[in-house]
Amino acid sequence: MAIYAGRLTQMISVLNPVLTRNAAGEMTEEWVSCGKIHADIRGRSSRERMQSGAEMAQAEIRIWVRGQSGREITAASRLHVLSGPWRDRI
């Protein structure tokens, strides 16, 4: 029996925040990559509006990934899209 892998055709990099000390001894937040994983990225809706005299665009994107042991994706994580039509836009 074959297992259907789905449409995980784009690559993303998961970035998690890490607190480190700089040369002055202050705590700073850096973003560290936890690795690259396959994902399915689809645009759900978008809109543009004027706010305070400036045009503002907003998009709702759905990203599906398969569970990965050892890689933690939390609300604090950032996702950097590495391939496909959303590359460097999210």
Protein backbone atom coordinates (compact mmCIF):
# COMPACT_ATOMS: atom_id res chain seq x y z
CA MET A 1 0.00 0.00 0.00
CA ALA A 2 1.41 3.37 -1.03
CA ILE A 3 1.44 6.35 1.29
CA TYR A 4 0.32 9.65 -0.25
CA ALA A 5 2.81 12.36 0.67
CA GLY A 6 0.63 15.28 -0.39
CA ARG A 7 1.63 18.40 -2.24
CA LEU A 8 4.61 19.46 -0.15
CA THR A 9 6.35 21.10 -3.11
CA GLN A 10 7.92 24.23 -1.59
CA MET A 11 10.85 24.51 0.81
CA ILE A 12 10.74 26.65 3.95
CA SER A 13 13.24 27.41 6.68
CA VAL A 14 12.03 27.52 10.29
CA LEU A 15 13.68 30.28 12.35
CA ASN A 16 13.43 30.30 16.14
CA PRO A 17 14.51 33.12 18.51
CA VAL A 18 17.56 32.54 20.71
CA LEU A 19 18.78 34.92 23.43
CA THR A 20 22.55 35.55 23.37
CA ARG A 21 24.91 38.03 24.99
CA ASN A 22 26.65 40.61 22.84
CA ALA A 23 30.12 42.08 23.46
CA ALA A 24 28.72 44.57 26.00
CA GLY A 25 27.04 41.77 27.96
CA GLU A 26 23.50 42.74 26.96
CA MET A 27 20.96 40.09 26.01
CA THR A 28 20.03 40.23 22.32
CA GLU A 29 17.60 38.15 20.30
CA GLU A 30 18.93 36.32 17.24
CA TRP A 31 17.05 34.13 14.77
CA VAL A 32 18.56 30.67 14.27
CA SER A 33 17.51 28.29 11.50
CA CYS A 34 16.26 24.89 12.67
CA GLY A 35 16.58 23.44 9.17
CA LYS A 36 14.71 23.24 5.88
CA ILE A 37 11.45 21.35 5.48
CA HIS A 38 8.94 20.73 2.68
CA ALA A 39 5.63 22.60 2.82
CA ASP A 40 2.43 23.27 0.89
CA ILE A 41 1.82 27.03 0.73
CA ARG A 42 -1.47 28.45 -0.54
CA GLY A 43 -2.92 31.94 -0.56
CA ARG A 44 -6.41 32.01 0.95
CA SER A 45 -7.46 35.65 0.71
CA SER A 46 -6.02 39.11 0.24
CA ARG A 47 -7.12 42.72 0.39
CA GLU A 48 -5.79 46.24 -0.03
CA ARG A 49 -6.96 49.34 1.81
CA MET A 50 -5.97 52.91 2.55
CA GLN A 51 -4.85 53.60 6.10
CA SER A 52 -3.60 57.03 7.18
CA GLY A 53 -3.11 58.00 3.54
CA ALA A 54 -0.96 54.97 2.73
CA GLU A 55 -1.92 51.86 0.80
CA MET A 56 -1.78 48.73 2.94
CA ALA A 57 -1.92 45.14 1.66
CA GLN A 58 -2.84 42.12 3.74
CA ALA A 59 -2.82 38.43 2.75
CA GLU A 60 -3.89 35.27 4.51
CA ILE A 61 -1.57 32.35 3.74
CA ARG A 62 -2.03 28.72 4.75
CA ILE A 63 1.14 26.65 5.23
CA TRP A 64 0.99 22.88 5.72
CA VAL A 65 4.02 20.92 6.92
CA ARG A 66 4.49 17.34 8.01
CA GLY A 67 5.39 16.80 11.66
CA GLN A 68 9.15 16.71 12.18
CA SER A 69 10.77 15.27 15.27
CA GLY A 70 13.46 17.53 16.69
CA ARG A 71 12.15 20.66 14.93
CA GLU A 72 9.94 22.91 16.97
CA ILE A 73 7.49 25.30 15.28
CA THR A 74 5.81 27.65 17.77
CA ALA A 75 3.92 30.93 17.66
CA ALA A 76 7.28 32.69 18.14
CA SER A 77 8.83 31.00 15.07
CA ARG A 78 9.36 32.71 11.74
CA LEU A 79 9.03 30.90 8.43
CA HIS A 80 11.21 31.90 5.49
CA VAL A 81 10.00 30.59 2.12
CA LEU A 82 12.92 29.34 0.02
CA SER A 83 11.18 28.17 -3.19
CA GLY A 84 8.00 28.51 -5.23
CA PRO A 85 5.84 31.54 -6.04
CA TRP A 86 5.94 32.84 -2.43
CA ARG A 87 9.77 32.87 -2.32
CA ASP A 88 11.14 35.78 -0.22
CA ARG A 89 7.63 37.30 0.11
CA ILE A 90 6.69 35.73 3.43
